[in-house]
């Protein structure tokens, strides 16, 4: 396995509650798409189960990541917004932060690993963010983001290890749960740490 995927620091334990997820719902209302959770006949036939898919690709940045980014940005003080924010991401979180920071007139710096796809780098720049390419692993990029945050007094918008980010992303999972209440399992990409944490908070272990 390439080194860039092996070097990931352990998660901390930010506190997320049902109330914080509901508060995120109020902040996000009207600013992100209420994407459908629809039955997939093809996957249901293949698996022998009733499979539902959450179409978060219909968000403006084509990812659920903008939910967490916007919720975090919406909780900042006026002083924090004026100073600006910083994030580290190889793509989807970068675009979510950059897009909503531009909407809210918040200066944004995005540190992206050097292996990030060029299309995502250009999309992030297109939303007005300052893109810093640094690091051959995610941890290298995260270290540079921490250094810049301290140097410029920027607020960090962590891609997954932040209670406000997790709560915002958790709204997509709770909406899907309401659409398929009789579901017995939920499956999501391993990398989607923020949303998976929020889903566990919503439904329990």
N, C-alpha and C. Protein backbone atom coordinates (compact mmCIF):
# COMPACT_ATOMS: atom_id res chain seq x y z
N UNK A 1 0.85 -1.20 0.00
CA UNK A 1 0.00 0.00 0.00
C UNK A 1 0.88 1.25 0.00
N UNK A 2 0.59 2.25 -0.85
CA UNK A 2 1.41 3.47 -0.90
C UNK A 2 1.48 4.16 0.45
N UNK A 3 2.62 4.77 0.72
CA UNK A 3 2.84 5.41 2.02
C UNK A 3 1.82 6.48 2.31
N UNK A 4 1.36 7.18 1.26
CA UNK A 4 0.44 8.29 1.50
C UNK A 4 -0.87 7.83 2.12
N UNK A 5 -1.22 6.54 1.95
CA UNK A 5 -2.45 6.02 2.52
C UNK A 5 -2.21 5.35 3.87
N UNK A 6 -0.96 5.05 4.20
CA UNK A 6 -0.67 4.41 5.48
C UNK A 6 -0.55 5.40 6.62
N UNK A 7 -0.04 6.60 6.32
CA UNK A 7 0.27 7.54 7.38
C UNK A 7 -0.94 8.39 7.72
N UNK A 8 -1.74 7.89 8.64
CA UNK A 8 -2.92 8.61 9.10
C UNK A 8 -2.90 8.62 10.62
N UNK A 9 -3.00 9.80 11.22
CA UNK A 9 -2.95 9.90 12.67
C UNK A 9 -4.27 9.44 13.27
N UNK A 10 -4.25 8.95 14.54
CA UNK A 10 -5.47 8.47 15.18
C UNK A 10 -6.50 9.57 15.34
N UNK A 11 -7.77 9.17 15.35
CA UNK A 11 -8.86 10.12 15.57
C UNK A 11 -8.96 10.47 17.04
N UNK A 12 -9.37 11.69 17.33
CA UNK A 12 -9.72 12.06 18.70
C UNK A 12 -11.20 11.71 18.89
N UNK A 13 -11.81 12.21 19.95
CA UNK A 13 -13.20 11.86 20.21
C UNK A 13 -14.05 13.11 20.41
N UNK A 14 -14.32 13.88 19.34
CA UNK A 14 -15.18 15.06 19.47
C UNK A 14 -16.59 14.64 19.87
N UNK A 15 -17.23 15.49 20.67
CA UNK A 15 -18.56 15.18 21.18
C UNK A 15 -19.64 15.62 20.19
N UNK A 16 -20.44 14.65 19.75
CA UNK A 16 -21.55 14.92 18.84
C UNK A 16 -22.81 14.32 19.46
N UNK A 17 -23.88 15.10 19.49
CA UNK A 17 -25.14 14.63 20.07
C UNK A 17 -26.26 14.75 19.03
N UNK A 18 -27.38 14.14 19.33
CA UNK A 18 -28.54 14.28 18.46
C UNK A 18 -28.94 15.75 18.34
N UNK A 19 -28.85 16.48 19.45
CA UNK A 19 -29.21 17.90 19.41
C UNK A 19 -28.28 18.70 18.50
N UNK A 20 -26.99 18.35 18.50
CA UNK A 20 -26.06 19.08 17.63
C UNK A 20 -26.31 18.77 16.16
N UNK A 21 -26.74 17.55 15.87
CA UNK A 21 -27.09 17.19 14.49
C UNK A 21 -28.35 17.93 14.07
N UNK A 22 -29.31 18.05 14.99
CA UNK A 22 -30.53 18.81 14.67
C UNK A 22 -30.24 20.29 14.49
N UNK A 23 -29.32 20.82 15.28
CA UNK A 23 -28.94 22.22 15.13
C UNK A 23 -28.28 22.45 13.77
N UNK A 24 -27.50 21.47 13.33
CA UNK A 24 -26.87 21.55 12.01
C UNK A 24 -27.94 21.59 10.92
N UNK A 25 -29.00 20.82 11.11
CA UNK A 25 -30.10 20.82 10.14
C UNK A 25 -30.64 22.23 9.93
N UNK A 26 -30.83 22.96 11.03
CA UNK A 26 -31.37 24.32 10.94
C UNK A 26 -30.40 25.25 10.21
N UNK A 27 -29.10 25.08 10.47
CA UNK A 27 -28.12 25.95 9.82
C UNK A 27 -28.02 25.67 8.32
N UNK A 28 -28.15 24.42 7.95
CA UNK A 28 -27.95 24.03 6.55
C UNK A 28 -29.20 24.25 5.68
N UNK A 29 -30.35 24.41 6.34
CA UNK A 29 -31.61 24.52 5.60
C UNK A 29 -31.54 25.63 4.55
N UNK A 30 -31.84 25.26 3.31
CA UNK A 30 -31.86 26.22 2.22
C UNK A 30 -30.51 26.50 1.59
N UNK A 31 -29.44 25.92 2.14
CA UNK A 31 -28.09 26.18 1.64
C UNK A 31 -27.43 24.96 1.00
N UNK A 32 -27.96 23.77 1.27
CA UNK A 32 -27.49 22.56 0.60
C UNK A 32 -28.72 21.82 0.07
N UNK A 33 -28.49 20.91 -0.86
CA UNK A 33 -29.59 20.18 -1.46
C UNK A 33 -30.13 19.10 -0.51
N UNK A 34 -31.45 18.95 -0.48
CA UNK A 34 -32.07 17.83 0.22
C UNK A 34 -32.10 16.64 -0.75
N UNK A 35 -31.00 15.95 -0.81
CA UNK A 35 -30.85 14.90 -1.82
C UNK A 35 -31.68 13.67 -1.48
N UNK A 36 -32.19 12.98 -2.49
CA UNK A 36 -33.06 11.82 -2.24
C UNK A 36 -32.30 10.58 -1.81
N UNK A 37 -32.99 9.73 -1.09
CA UNK A 37 -32.49 8.39 -0.75
C UNK A 37 -33.43 7.42 -1.45
N UNK A 38 -32.97 6.82 -2.53
CA UNK A 38 -33.86 6.07 -3.41
C UNK A 38 -33.51 4.58 -3.47
N UNK A 39 -34.54 3.80 -3.69
CA UNK A 39 -34.37 2.35 -3.82
C UNK A 39 -33.65 2.03 -5.12
N UNK A 40 -32.66 1.12 -5.04
CA UNK A 40 -31.94 0.68 -6.22
C UNK A 40 -32.39 -0.73 -6.59
N UNK A 41 -33.14 -0.83 -7.67
CA UNK A 41 -33.62 -2.15 -8.10
C UNK A 41 -32.44 -3.04 -8.50
N UNK A 42 -31.47 -2.47 -9.21
CA UNK A 42 -30.34 -3.26 -9.69
C UNK A 42 -29.53 -3.85 -8.54
N UNK A 43 -29.12 -3.00 -7.59
CA UNK A 43 -28.32 -3.48 -6.46
C UNK A 43 -29.13 -4.40 -5.56
N UNK A 44 -30.42 -4.15 -5.45
CA UNK A 44 -31.27 -5.03 -4.64
C UNK A 44 -31.32 -6.43 -5.25
N UNK A 45 -31.43 -6.50 -6.57
CA UNK A 45 -31.46 -7.79 -7.23
C UNK A 45 -30.12 -8.51 -7.11
N UNK A 46 -29.03 -7.78 -7.22
CA UNK A 46 -27.68 -8.37 -7.13
C UNK A 46 -27.42 -8.92 -5.73
N UNK A 47 -27.82 -8.17 -4.70
CA UNK A 47 -27.49 -8.53 -3.32
C UNK A 47 -28.54 -9.38 -2.63
N UNK A 48 -29.74 -9.41 -3.18
CA UNK A 48 -30.81 -10.13 -2.51
C UNK A 48 -31.33 -9.39 -1.30
N UNK A 49 -31.08 -8.09 -1.24
CA UNK A 49 -31.54 -7.25 -0.13
C UNK A 49 -32.22 -6.01 -0.71
N UNK A 50 -32.88 -5.25 0.15
CA UNK A 50 -33.48 -3.99 -0.30
C UNK A 50 -32.45 -2.88 -0.09
N UNK A 51 -31.88 -2.37 -1.17
CA UNK A 51 -30.78 -1.42 -1.11
C UNK A 51 -31.27 -0.02 -1.49
N UNK A 52 -30.92 0.96 -0.66
CA UNK A 52 -31.24 2.35 -0.92
C UNK A 52 -29.93 3.13 -1.08
N UNK A 53 -29.91 4.10 -1.98
CA UNK A 53 -28.73 4.92 -2.22
C UNK A 53 -29.03 6.38 -1.93
N UNK A 54 -28.09 7.05 -1.27
CA UNK A 54 -28.22 8.48 -0.97
C UNK A 54 -27.46 9.26 -2.04
N UNK A 55 -28.18 10.08 -2.79
CA UNK A 55 -27.60 10.75 -3.94
C UNK A 55 -26.94 12.08 -3.57
N UNK A 56 -25.88 12.00 -2.76
CA UNK A 56 -25.15 13.20 -2.37
C UNK A 56 -24.31 13.76 -3.52
N UNK A 57 -24.19 13.01 -4.61
CA UNK A 57 -23.51 13.54 -5.79
C UNK A 57 -24.30 14.70 -6.42
N UNK A 58 -25.53 14.92 -5.96
CA UNK A 58 -26.34 16.02 -6.47
C UNK A 58 -26.05 17.34 -5.76
N UNK A 59 -25.20 17.31 -4.72
CA UNK A 59 -24.77 18.57 -4.11
C UNK A 59 -23.97 19.37 -5.13
N UNK A 60 -23.86 20.67 -4.93
CA UNK A 60 -23.17 21.52 -5.90
C UNK A 60 -21.72 21.09 -6.10
N UNK A 61 -21.06 20.65 -5.03
CA UNK A 61 -19.68 20.18 -5.15
C UNK A 61 -19.61 18.66 -5.34
N UNK A 62 -20.77 18.03 -5.54
CA UNK A 62 -20.86 16.59 -5.84
C UNK A 62 -20.43 15.70 -4.68
N UNK A 63 -20.56 16.18 -3.44
CA UNK A 63 -20.16 15.38 -2.28
C UNK A 63 -20.89 15.86 -1.03
N UNK A 64 -21.15 14.91 -0.12
CA UNK A 64 -21.74 15.26 1.18
C UNK A 64 -20.82 16.11 2.03
N UNK A 65 -19.54 16.19 1.66
CA UNK A 65 -18.55 16.89 2.49
C UNK A 65 -18.91 18.35 2.71
N UNK A 66 -19.63 18.96 1.78
CA UNK A 66 -19.93 20.38 1.96
C UNK A 66 -20.90 20.61 3.11
N UNK A 67 -21.65 19.58 3.51
CA UNK A 67 -22.55 19.73 4.66
C UNK A 67 -21.75 20.06 5.92
N UNK A 68 -20.73 19.27 6.19
CA UNK A 68 -19.91 19.49 7.37
C UNK A 68 -19.15 20.80 7.30
N UNK A 69 -18.64 21.11 6.11
CA UNK A 69 -17.88 22.35 5.94
C UNK A 69 -18.76 23.56 6.24
N UNK A 70 -19.97 23.59 5.68
CA UNK A 70 -20.86 24.73 5.90
C UNK A 70 -21.29 24.83 7.35
N UNK A 71 -21.59 23.70 7.98
CA UNK A 71 -22.00 23.77 9.38
C UNK A 71 -20.89 24.37 10.24
N UNK A 72 -19.65 23.95 10.00
CA UNK A 72 -18.53 24.51 10.76
C UNK A 72 -18.38 26.00 10.50
N UNK A 73 -18.42 26.39 9.24
CA UNK A 73 -18.27 27.81 8.91
C UNK A 73 -19.37 28.66 9.54
N UNK A 74 -20.55 28.09 9.65
CA UNK A 74 -21.70 28.83 10.19
C UNK A 74 -21.60 29.06 11.69
N UNK A 75 -20.72 28.32 12.37
CA UNK A 75 -20.57 28.46 13.81
C UNK A 75 -19.47 29.45 14.20
N UNK A 76 -18.73 29.96 13.23
CA UNK A 76 -17.60 30.84 13.53
C UNK A 76 -18.07 32.22 13.99
N UNK A 77 -17.26 32.84 14.81
CA UNK A 77 -17.53 34.21 15.24
C UNK A 77 -17.17 35.17 14.10
N UNK A 78 -17.62 36.40 14.23
CA UNK A 78 -17.30 37.41 13.22
C UNK A 78 -15.79 37.61 13.11
N UNK A 79 -15.10 37.56 14.24
CA UNK A 79 -13.64 37.73 14.23
C UNK A 79 -12.97 36.57 13.50
N UNK A 80 -13.42 35.34 13.77
CA UNK A 80 -12.84 34.18 13.09
C UNK A 80 -13.09 34.24 11.59
N UNK A 81 -14.28 34.66 11.20
CA UNK A 81 -14.59 34.78 9.77
C UNK A 81 -13.70 35.81 9.10
N UNK A 82 -13.45 36.91 9.79
CA UNK A 82 -12.62 37.96 9.22
C UNK A 82 -11.17 37.50 9.04
N UNK A 83 -10.67 36.72 9.99
CA UNK A 83 -9.29 36.23 9.90
C UNK A 83 -9.15 35.17 8.81
N UNK A 84 -10.18 34.36 8.63
CA UNK A 84 -10.14 33.34 7.60
C UNK A 84 -10.01 31.94 8.17
N UNK A 85 -10.15 30.97 7.28
CA UNK A 85 -10.12 29.56 7.68
C UNK A 85 -9.07 28.82 6.86
N UNK A 86 -8.72 27.65 7.35
CA UNK A 86 -7.79 26.79 6.64
C UNK A 86 -8.27 25.35 6.74
N UNK A 87 -8.05 24.58 5.70
CA UNK A 87 -8.43 23.18 5.70
C UNK A 87 -7.37 22.38 4.97
N UNK A 88 -7.36 21.08 5.22
CA UNK A 88 -6.45 20.18 4.50
C UNK A 88 -7.29 19.07 3.89
N UNK A 89 -7.10 18.84 2.60
CA UNK A 89 -7.92 17.86 1.91
C UNK A 89 -7.33 17.58 0.53
N UNK A 90 -7.58 16.37 0.04
CA UNK A 90 -7.15 16.02 -1.32
C UNK A 90 -8.25 16.28 -2.35
N UNK A 91 -9.41 16.78 -1.91
CA UNK A 91 -10.42 17.02 -2.92
C UNK A 91 -11.79 17.47 -2.46
N UNK A 92 -12.63 16.56 -1.97
CA UNK A 92 -14.03 16.87 -1.72
C UNK A 92 -14.23 17.87 -0.58
N UNK A 93 -13.54 17.67 0.54
CA UNK A 93 -13.63 18.62 1.65
C UNK A 93 -13.07 19.96 1.23
N UNK A 94 -11.99 19.94 0.45
CA UNK A 94 -11.39 21.19 -0.04
C UNK A 94 -12.41 22.00 -0.81
N UNK A 95 -13.13 21.36 -1.71
CA UNK A 95 -14.12 22.07 -2.52
C UNK A 95 -15.29 22.56 -1.67
N UNK A 96 -15.72 21.74 -0.70
CA UNK A 96 -16.82 22.13 0.16
C UNK A 96 -16.49 23.37 0.98
N UNK A 97 -15.29 23.39 1.57
CA UNK A 97 -14.87 24.55 2.35
C UNK A 97 -14.71 25.77 1.45
N UNK A 98 -14.03 25.60 0.32
CA UNK A 98 -13.78 26.73 -0.57
C UNK A 98 -15.09 27.32 -1.10
N UNK A 99 -16.02 26.47 -1.51
CA UNK A 99 -17.28 26.95 -2.07
C UNK A 99 -18.09 27.75 -1.06
N UNK A 100 -18.28 27.19 0.14
CA UNK A 100 -19.12 27.89 1.11
C UNK A 100 -18.39 29.06 1.76
N UNK A 101 -17.06 29.00 1.85
CA UNK A 101 -16.31 30.16 2.34
C UNK A 101 -16.48 31.32 1.36
N UNK A 102 -16.46 31.02 0.07
CA UNK A 102 -16.68 32.07 -0.93
C UNK A 102 -18.09 32.66 -0.79
N UNK A 103 -19.09 31.81 -0.61
CA UNK A 103 -20.47 32.27 -0.43
C UNK A 103 -20.60 33.20 0.76
N UNK A 104 -19.86 32.88 1.83
CA UNK A 104 -19.97 33.63 3.08
C UNK A 104 -18.93 34.74 3.21
N UNK A 105 -18.16 34.96 2.13
CA UNK A 105 -17.12 36.00 2.11
C UNK A 105 -16.07 35.77 3.20
N UNK A 106 -15.68 34.52 3.39
CA UNK A 106 -14.65 34.16 4.36
C UNK A 106 -13.38 33.77 3.60
N UNK A 107 -12.24 34.41 3.87
CA UNK A 107 -10.99 34.01 3.22
C UNK A 107 -10.66 32.55 3.56
N UNK A 108 -10.24 31.79 2.56
CA UNK A 108 -9.96 30.37 2.79
C UNK A 108 -8.62 29.96 2.19
N UNK A 109 -7.86 29.21 2.98
CA UNK A 109 -6.61 28.60 2.53
C UNK A 109 -6.81 27.10 2.57
N UNK A 110 -6.50 26.41 1.50
CA UNK A 110 -6.66 24.97 1.44
C UNK A 110 -5.29 24.34 1.16
N UNK A 111 -4.82 23.51 2.09
CA UNK A 111 -3.58 22.77 1.88
C UNK A 111 -3.95 21.42 1.28
N UNK A 112 -3.38 21.13 0.12
CA UNK A 112 -3.68 19.88 -0.57
C UNK A 112 -2.40 19.10 -0.80
N UNK A 113 -2.43 17.78 -0.57
CA UNK A 113 -1.24 16.97 -0.85
C UNK A 113 -0.85 17.09 -2.32
N UNK A 114 0.42 16.89 -2.60
CA UNK A 114 0.89 17.03 -3.97
C UNK A 114 0.28 15.99 -4.91
N UNK A 115 -0.23 14.87 -4.35
CA UNK A 115 -0.82 13.84 -5.21
C UNK A 115 -2.31 14.10 -5.50
N UNK A 116 -2.86 15.22 -5.05
CA UNK A 116 -4.27 15.52 -5.28
C UNK A 116 -4.58 15.60 -6.79
N UNK A 117 -5.74 15.11 -7.20
CA UNK A 117 -6.12 15.19 -8.63
C UNK A 117 -6.16 16.64 -9.11
N UNK A 118 -5.61 16.88 -10.27
CA UNK A 118 -5.54 18.25 -10.78
C UNK A 118 -6.93 18.86 -10.93
N UNK A 119 -7.92 18.06 -11.32
CA UNK A 119 -9.27 18.61 -11.51
C UNK A 119 -9.81 19.15 -10.19
N UNK A 120 -9.48 18.49 -9.06
CA UNK A 120 -9.97 18.97 -7.77
C UNK A 120 -9.18 20.19 -7.30
N UNK A 121 -7.91 20.24 -7.65
CA UNK A 121 -7.11 21.43 -7.33
C UNK A 121 -7.68 22.65 -8.05
N UNK A 122 -7.96 22.49 -9.34
CA UNK A 122 -8.48 23.61 -10.13
C UNK A 122 -9.88 24.01 -9.68
N UNK A 123 -10.71 23.03 -9.34
CA UNK A 123 -12.05 23.35 -8.84
C UNK A 123 -11.97 24.15 -7.55
N UNK A 124 -11.06 23.76 -6.67
CA UNK A 124 -10.90 24.46 -5.38
C UNK A 124 -10.43 25.89 -5.61
N UNK A 125 -9.47 26.05 -6.49
CA UNK A 125 -9.01 27.41 -6.84
C UNK A 125 -10.14 28.22 -7.47
N UNK A 126 -10.96 27.55 -8.25
CA UNK A 126 -12.06 28.23 -8.91
C UNK A 126 -13.08 28.82 -7.95
N UNK A 127 -13.12 28.29 -6.72
CA UNK A 127 -14.01 28.85 -5.71
C UNK A 127 -13.35 29.97 -4.91
N UNK A 128 -12.18 30.41 -5.37
CA UNK A 128 -11.55 31.57 -4.77
C UNK A 128 -10.60 31.28 -3.62
N UNK A 129 -10.36 30.02 -3.31
CA UNK A 129 -9.47 29.69 -2.19
C UNK A 129 -8.01 29.80 -2.60
N UNK A 130 -7.15 30.10 -1.64
CA UNK A 130 -5.71 30.02 -1.83
C UNK A 130 -5.30 28.55 -1.64
N UNK A 131 -4.79 27.94 -2.68
CA UNK A 131 -4.42 26.53 -2.61
C UNK A 131 -2.91 26.41 -2.39
N UNK A 132 -2.53 25.67 -1.36
CA UNK A 132 -1.13 25.40 -1.06
C UNK A 132 -0.88 23.92 -1.28
N UNK A 133 -0.05 23.58 -2.24
CA UNK A 133 0.29 22.17 -2.49
C UNK A 133 1.50 21.82 -1.64
N UNK A 134 1.31 20.89 -0.71
CA UNK A 134 2.40 20.56 0.21
C UNK A 134 2.21 19.14 0.76
N UNK A 135 3.27 18.37 0.75
CA UNK A 135 3.25 17.05 1.39
C UNK A 135 3.02 15.90 0.43
N UNK A 136 3.75 14.82 0.69
CA UNK A 136 3.57 13.59 -0.08
C UNK A 136 2.64 12.61 0.62
N UNK A 137 2.23 12.92 1.84
CA UNK A 137 1.23 12.14 2.57
C UNK A 137 0.23 13.11 3.18
N UNK A 138 -0.92 12.58 3.59
CA UNK A 138 -1.93 13.44 4.20
C UNK A 138 -1.40 14.04 5.50
N UNK A 139 -0.66 13.26 6.28
CA UNK A 139 -0.12 13.78 7.54
C UNK A 139 0.87 14.91 7.31
N UNK A 140 1.66 14.82 6.23
CA UNK A 140 2.57 15.92 5.89
C UNK A 140 1.77 17.19 5.60
N UNK A 141 0.70 17.04 4.84
CA UNK A 141 -0.14 18.20 4.50
C UNK A 141 -0.81 18.76 5.74
N UNK A 142 -1.25 17.87 6.62
CA UNK A 142 -1.90 18.32 7.85
C UNK A 142 -0.93 19.11 8.73
N UNK A 143 0.31 18.69 8.77
CA UNK A 143 1.31 19.40 9.56
C UNK A 143 1.54 20.81 9.00
N UNK A 144 1.56 20.92 7.68
CA UNK A 144 1.74 22.24 7.06
C UNK A 144 0.52 23.12 7.32
N UNK A 145 -0.66 22.54 7.29
CA UNK A 145 -1.87 23.31 7.57
C UNK A 145 -1.85 23.81 9.01
N UNK A 146 -1.42 22.98 9.94
CA UNK A 146 -1.34 23.40 11.35
C UNK A 146 -0.34 24.55 11.50
N UNK A 147 0.77 24.46 10.78
CA UNK A 147 1.78 25.52 10.86
C UNK A 147 1.22 26.84 10.32
N UNK A 148 0.55 26.78 9.18
CA UNK A 148 -0.02 27.99 8.59
C UNK A 148 -1.14 28.56 9.45
N UNK A 149 -1.94 27.67 10.06
CA UNK A 149 -3.03 28.13 10.92
C UNK A 149 -2.49 28.96 12.08
N UNK A 150 -1.40 28.46 12.69
CA UNK A 150 -0.79 29.17 13.81
C UNK A 150 -0.14 30.47 13.35
N UNK A 151 0.52 30.43 12.20
CA UNK A 151 1.24 31.59 11.69
C UNK A 151 0.30 32.72 11.30
N UNK A 152 -0.86 32.37 10.72
CA UNK A 152 -1.78 33.38 10.20
C UNK A 152 -3.03 33.56 11.06
N UNK A 153 -3.10 32.87 12.17
CA UNK A 153 -4.28 32.93 13.07
C UNK A 153 -5.56 32.54 12.34
N UNK A 154 -5.49 31.44 11.58
CA UNK A 154 -6.63 30.94 10.83
C UNK A 154 -7.35 29.85 11.63
N UNK A 155 -8.64 29.73 11.44
CA UNK A 155 -9.42 28.68 12.10
C UNK A 155 -9.38 27.41 11.24
N UNK A 156 -9.01 26.31 11.86
CA UNK A 156 -8.94 25.04 11.16
C UNK A 156 -10.34 24.45 10.95
N UNK A 157 -10.63 24.04 9.72
CA UNK A 157 -11.86 23.30 9.41
C UNK A 157 -11.42 21.88 9.07
N UNK A 158 -11.38 21.04 10.08
CA UNK A 158 -10.84 19.69 9.92
C UNK A 158 -11.78 18.85 9.06
N UNK A 159 -11.24 18.00 8.20
CA UNK A 159 -12.11 17.22 7.31
C UNK A 159 -12.99 16.18 8.00
N UNK A 160 -12.60 15.73 9.20
CA UNK A 160 -13.41 14.70 9.86
C UNK A 160 -13.35 14.74 11.38
N UNK A 161 -12.31 15.28 11.97
CA UNK A 161 -12.09 15.20 13.41
C UNK A 161 -12.58 16.46 14.12
N UNK A 162 -13.82 16.86 13.85
CA UNK A 162 -14.38 18.10 14.39
C UNK A 162 -15.87 17.88 14.62
N UNK A 163 -16.35 18.23 15.79
CA UNK A 163 -17.75 17.95 16.14
C UNK A 163 -18.74 18.65 15.21
N UNK A 164 -18.46 19.89 14.82
CA UNK A 164 -19.38 20.62 13.95
C UNK A 164 -19.39 20.03 12.54
N UNK A 165 -18.24 19.61 12.06
CA UNK A 165 -18.16 18.97 10.75
C UNK A 165 -18.93 17.65 10.76
N UNK A 166 -18.73 16.86 11.81
CA UNK A 166 -19.42 15.57 11.93
C UNK A 166 -20.93 15.78 11.99
N UNK A 167 -21.36 16.75 12.78
CA UNK A 167 -22.80 16.99 12.92
C UNK A 167 -23.43 17.40 11.59
N UNK A 168 -22.73 18.24 10.83
CA UNK A 168 -23.25 18.66 9.54
C UNK A 168 -23.36 17.51 8.56
N UNK A 169 -22.36 16.65 8.53
CA UNK A 169 -22.40 15.51 7.63
C UNK A 169 -23.43 14.47 8.08
N UNK A 170 -23.67 14.43 9.36
CA UNK A 170 -24.63 13.47 9.89
C UNK A 170 -26.05 13.69 9.42
N UNK A 171 -26.36 14.90 8.98
CA UNK A 171 -27.72 15.17 8.49
C UNK A 171 -28.05 14.32 7.27
N UNK A 172 -27.07 14.05 6.42
CA UNK A 172 -27.36 13.24 5.23
C UNK A 172 -27.74 11.83 5.63
N UNK A 173 -27.10 11.31 6.69
CA UNK A 173 -27.39 9.94 7.12
C UNK A 173 -28.75 9.85 7.80
N UNK A 174 -29.09 10.85 8.61
CA UNK A 174 -30.38 10.78 9.30
C UNK A 174 -31.54 10.93 8.32
N UNK A 175 -31.35 11.73 7.27
CA UNK A 175 -32.40 11.86 6.26
C UNK A 175 -32.60 10.53 5.54
N UNK A 176 -31.51 9.82 5.26
CA UNK A 176 -31.62 8.53 4.59
C UNK A 176 -32.28 7.51 5.52
N UNK A 177 -31.97 7.60 6.80
CA UNK A 177 -32.57 6.67 7.76
C UNK A 177 -34.08 6.83 7.79
N UNK A 178 -34.59 8.07 7.70
CA UNK A 178 -36.03 8.30 7.70
C UNK A 178 -36.67 7.74 6.43
N UNK A 179 -35.90 7.71 5.34
CA UNK A 179 -36.45 7.22 4.08
C UNK A 179 -36.52 5.70 4.04
N UNK A 180 -35.73 5.03 4.85
CA UNK A 180 -35.69 3.56 4.85
C UNK A 180 -35.60 3.06 6.29
N UNK A 181 -36.64 3.31 7.06
CA UNK A 181 -36.63 3.05 8.50
C UNK A 181 -36.47 1.57 8.85
N UNK A 182 -36.81 0.70 7.94
CA UNK A 182 -36.71 -0.72 8.25
C UNK A 182 -35.35 -1.31 7.88
N UNK A 183 -34.39 -0.44 7.54
CA UNK A 183 -33.07 -0.93 7.16
C UNK A 183 -32.37 -1.56 8.35
N UNK A 184 -31.57 -2.57 8.08
CA UNK A 184 -30.84 -3.28 9.14
C UNK A 184 -29.35 -3.01 9.08
N UNK A 185 -28.88 -2.35 8.04
CA UNK A 185 -27.45 -2.06 7.92
C UNK A 185 -27.25 -0.78 7.12
N UNK A 186 -26.16 -0.08 7.40
CA UNK A 186 -25.78 1.10 6.65
C UNK A 186 -24.35 0.93 6.19
N UNK A 187 -24.09 1.18 4.90
CA UNK A 187 -22.75 1.01 4.34
C UNK A 187 -22.30 2.33 3.75
N UNK A 188 -21.07 2.74 4.06
CA UNK A 188 -20.53 3.98 3.51
C UNK A 188 -19.05 3.79 3.25
N UNK A 189 -18.42 4.66 2.45
CA UNK A 189 -17.00 4.54 2.19
C UNK A 189 -16.19 4.64 3.46
N UNK A 190 -15.15 3.84 3.56
CA UNK A 190 -14.29 3.86 4.76
C UNK A 190 -13.75 5.24 5.03
N UNK A 191 -13.42 6.00 3.97
CA UNK A 191 -12.80 7.31 4.15
C UNK A 191 -13.76 8.34 4.73
N UNK A 192 -15.06 8.05 4.71
CA UNK A 192 -16.04 9.04 5.17
C UNK A 192 -16.17 9.00 6.69
N UNK A 193 -15.06 9.31 7.37
CA UNK A 193 -15.03 9.17 8.82
C UNK A 193 -16.02 10.06 9.53
N UNK A 194 -16.15 11.31 9.07
CA UNK A 194 -17.06 12.23 9.75
C UNK A 194 -18.49 11.78 9.70
N UNK A 195 -18.95 11.38 8.53
CA UNK A 195 -20.36 10.98 8.41
C UNK A 195 -20.63 9.67 9.11
N UNK A 196 -19.65 8.75 9.11
CA UNK A 196 -19.88 7.47 9.78
C UNK A 196 -19.98 7.66 11.28
N UNK A 197 -19.21 8.58 11.84
CA UNK A 197 -19.32 8.87 13.27
C UNK A 197 -20.70 9.43 13.60
N UNK A 198 -21.15 10.37 12.78
CA UNK A 198 -22.45 10.98 13.05
C UNK A 198 -23.56 9.95 12.93
N UNK A 199 -23.43 9.02 11.98
CA UNK A 199 -24.45 7.98 11.82
C UNK A 199 -24.50 7.09 13.06
N UNK A 200 -23.33 6.75 13.62
CA UNK A 200 -23.33 5.94 14.84
C UNK A 200 -23.99 6.69 15.98
N UNK A 201 -23.78 8.02 16.06
CA UNK A 201 -24.43 8.83 17.09
C UNK A 201 -25.95 8.79 16.90
N UNK A 202 -26.37 8.82 15.63
CA UNK A 202 -27.80 8.91 15.34
C UNK A 202 -28.53 7.58 15.65
N UNK A 203 -27.86 6.47 15.31
CA UNK A 203 -28.54 5.19 15.45
C UNK A 203 -28.00 4.34 16.61
N UNK A 204 -26.87 4.72 17.16
CA UNK A 204 -26.29 3.94 18.24
C UNK A 204 -25.29 2.93 17.70
N UNK A 205 -24.53 2.24 18.59
CA UNK A 205 -23.50 1.31 18.17
C UNK A 205 -24.06 0.20 17.31
